[in-house]
Amino acid sequence: MSNRKLTNALSREDQAEAGGNLTATDRTTCYPHQSWSGDCADQHTASTGRGIDERVDLDYIRGHRS
């Protein structure tokens, strides 16, 4: 796939997630690695089911501070 398709998908999913219409686990792209989620799946740990704590962790990774 082209970089343009990845860039567009990242942007769409960022906006959808920020708007509450997409969860981090439902993304097809990886925000921290700026890649397709399948391309870096081996670099992530499995979901712990911690829910809110995971969202806080993701915000920390993305540089958002509460």
Protein backbone atom coordinates (compact mmCIF):
# COMPACT_ATOMS: atom_id res chain seq x y z
CA MET A 1 0.00 0.00 0.00
CA SER A 2 1.08 3.51 -0.61
CA ASN A 3 2.23 5.94 2.04
CA ARG A 4 -0.69 8.17 1.05
CA LYS A 5 -3.18 5.44 1.96
CA LEU A 6 -1.46 4.94 5.31
CA THR A 7 -1.35 8.68 6.00
CA ASN A 8 -5.04 9.04 5.15
CA ALA A 9 -5.99 6.02 7.26
CA LEU A 10 -3.99 7.33 10.24
CA SER A 11 -5.70 10.70 9.97
CA ARG A 12 -9.20 9.18 9.68
CA GLU A 13 -8.64 6.86 12.62
CA ASP A 14 -7.08 9.59 14.76
CA GLN A 15 -10.14 11.78 14.17
CA ALA A 16 -12.58 8.92 14.76
CA GLU A 17 -10.84 7.92 17.98
CA ALA A 18 -10.69 11.51 19.21
CA GLY A 19 -14.41 11.83 18.51
CA GLY A 20 -15.21 8.68 20.46
CA ASN A 21 -16.27 6.74 17.38
CA LEU A 22 -13.36 4.28 17.38
CA THR A 23 -11.47 2.53 20.15
CA ALA A 24 -7.71 2.09 20.09
CA THR A 25 -8.11 -1.67 19.83
CA ASP A 26 -10.33 -1.35 16.74
CA ARG A 27 -7.77 0.64 14.74
CA THR A 28 -6.23 -0.78 11.56
CA THR A 29 -3.30 1.62 12.01
CA CYS A 30 -0.83 2.02 14.84
CA TYR A 31 -0.55 5.56 16.18
CA PRO A 32 2.73 5.12 18.14
CA HIS A 33 4.52 3.46 15.20
CA GLN A 34 2.71 5.37 12.42
CA SER A 35 2.22 2.11 10.53
CA TRP A 36 -0.40 -0.50 9.76
CA SER A 37 -1.28 -2.33 12.95
CA GLY A 38 -0.36 -5.70 11.48
CA ASP A 39 3.13 -4.49 10.66
CA CYS A 40 4.04 -3.91 14.31
CA ALA A 41 1.71 -6.31 16.14
CA ASP A 42 4.69 -8.20 17.56
CA GLN A 43 5.87 -5.00 19.27
CA HIS A 44 2.74 -4.67 21.43
CA THR A 45 1.62 -6.50 24.52
CA ALA A 46 -1.78 -8.14 24.65
CA SER A 47 -4.70 -6.23 26.11
CA THR A 48 -4.86 -6.52 29.88
CA GLY A 49 -8.52 -5.64 30.15
CA ARG A 50 -7.68 -2.70 32.36
CA GLY A 51 -9.98 -0.42 30.36
CA ILE A 52 -9.58 3.13 31.64
CA ASP A 53 -5.95 2.55 32.65
CA GLU A 54 -5.14 1.49 29.09
CA ARG A 55 -6.64 4.71 27.74
CA VAL A 56 -4.51 6.69 30.17
CA ASP A 57 -1.47 4.71 29.01
CA LEU A 58 -2.32 5.48 25.38
CA ASP A 59 -2.74 9.16 26.18
CA TYR A 60 0.69 9.10 27.84
CA ILE A 61 2.23 7.40 24.79
CA ARG A 62 0.63 9.98 22.49
CA GLY A 63 1.80 12.86 24.66
CA HIS A 64 -1.62 13.90 25.97
CA ARG A 65 -1.62 14.89 29.60
CA SER A 66 -4.75 15.07 31.73
